[in-house]
Protein backbone atom coordinates (compact mmCIF):
# COMPACT_ATOMS: atom_id res chain seq x y z
CA MET A 1 -8.27 0.81 -7.58
CA PHE A 2 -6.48 -1.48 -5.12
CA ARG A 3 -8.20 -4.68 -6.27
CA ASP A 4 -6.30 -5.14 -9.54
CA PRO A 5 -4.01 -8.15 -8.86
CA ALA A 6 -1.65 -7.02 -11.63
CA LYS A 7 -0.88 -3.89 -9.62
CA ARG A 8 -0.17 -5.45 -6.24
CA ALA A 9 2.15 -8.02 -4.74
CA PRO A 10 2.82 -9.47 -1.30
CA VAL A 11 6.04 -8.13 0.17
CA GLN A 12 6.99 -11.50 1.66
CA GLY A 13 9.74 -12.64 -0.69
CA PHE A 14 9.93 -9.07 -2.03
CA LEU A 15 7.76 -9.68 -5.06
CA THR A 16 7.54 -6.50 -7.06
CA SER A 17 6.17 -5.20 -10.30
CA PRO A 18 8.48 -5.56 -13.32
CA GLY A 19 10.92 -2.67 -13.40
CA LYS A 20 10.35 -1.80 -9.74
CA GLU A 21 13.20 -1.93 -7.26
CA ASP A 22 12.92 -4.60 -4.55
CA ARG A 23 12.52 -2.72 -1.27
CA THR A 24 10.14 -2.07 1.55
CA LEU A 25 8.93 1.43 2.34
CA ASN A 26 9.01 3.38 5.57
CA ARG A 27 5.46 3.09 6.90
CA ILE A 28 3.55 5.17 9.42
CA LEU A 29 1.19 3.69 11.99
CA VAL A 30 -2.48 4.40 11.30
CA SER A 31 -5.65 4.19 13.34
CA SER A 32 -7.62 1.39 11.69
CA SER A 33 -9.17 -1.91 12.71
CA SER A 34 -7.82 -3.64 9.58
CA ILE A 35 -4.63 -1.75 8.65
CA THR A 36 -1.58 -1.36 10.90
CA SER A 37 0.65 0.90 8.81
CA VAL A 38 0.89 2.66 5.44
CA GLY A 39 3.87 3.83 3.40
CA TYR A 40 4.10 5.67 0.10
CA ASP A 41 6.90 6.47 -2.34
CA ALA A 42 5.85 9.26 -4.72
CA GLU A 43 8.85 8.71 -7.00
CA THR A 44 7.89 5.12 -7.82
CA GLU A 45 4.16 5.58 -7.10
CA THR A 46 4.29 2.59 -4.76
CA LEU A 47 1.91 2.24 -1.83
CA GLU A 48 2.69 -0.29 0.89
CA ILE A 49 0.05 -1.44 3.38
CA GLU A 50 0.56 -3.66 6.41
CA PHE A 51 -2.68 -5.34 7.44
CA VAL A 52 -3.58 -6.29 11.02
CA GLY A 53 -3.28 -9.99 10.16
CA GLY A 54 0.39 -9.45 9.32
CA GLY A 55 0.24 -9.37 5.52
CA VAL A 56 2.15 -6.60 3.79
CA TYR A 57 1.27 -5.67 0.22
CA GLN A 58 2.70 -3.21 -2.26
CA TYR A 59 0.39 -1.50 -4.74
CA PHE A 60 1.88 -0.05 -7.91
CA ASP A 61 0.99 2.98 -10.05
CA VAL A 62 -0.76 4.69 -7.13
CA THR A 63 -0.92 8.43 -7.69
CA GLN A 64 -0.22 10.99 -4.99
CA ALA A 65 -3.90 11.99 -5.18
CA ALA A 66 -4.99 8.39 -4.50
CA TYR A 67 -2.62 8.15 -1.53
CA ASP A 68 -3.88 11.46 -0.16
CA ALA A 69 -7.48 10.27 -0.55
CA LEU A 70 -6.65 7.05 1.31
CA MET A 71 -5.03 8.91 4.19
CA ALA A 72 -7.99 11.33 4.41
CA ALA A 73 -10.63 8.56 4.30
CA ASN A 74 -12.88 8.03 7.33
CA SER A 75 -12.23 4.30 7.02
CA LEU A 76 -8.93 3.17 5.51
CA GLY A 77 -10.07 -0.45 5.40
CA ARG A 78 -13.22 0.40 3.44
CA PHE A 79 -11.25 2.64 1.09
CA VAL A 80 -8.82 -0.17 0.26
CA ASN A 81 -11.53 -2.82 -0.10
């Protein structure tokens, strides 16, 4: 789900999907060896993930159910990859 390059963009430079507003999301810190924080906007179905290495990516067309599944996963890093 998160591997489709057409549905993700690095936040550096605020690259976004066509028709999406340029903005970063409020993220919460998570317990993960590969992910630092996660944010979600249900209105725009945008997921934002900050990775330990410093990269921040936005994922588009992410349903609430997919976000909930990510947050409930035993391993966030494995779920995303």
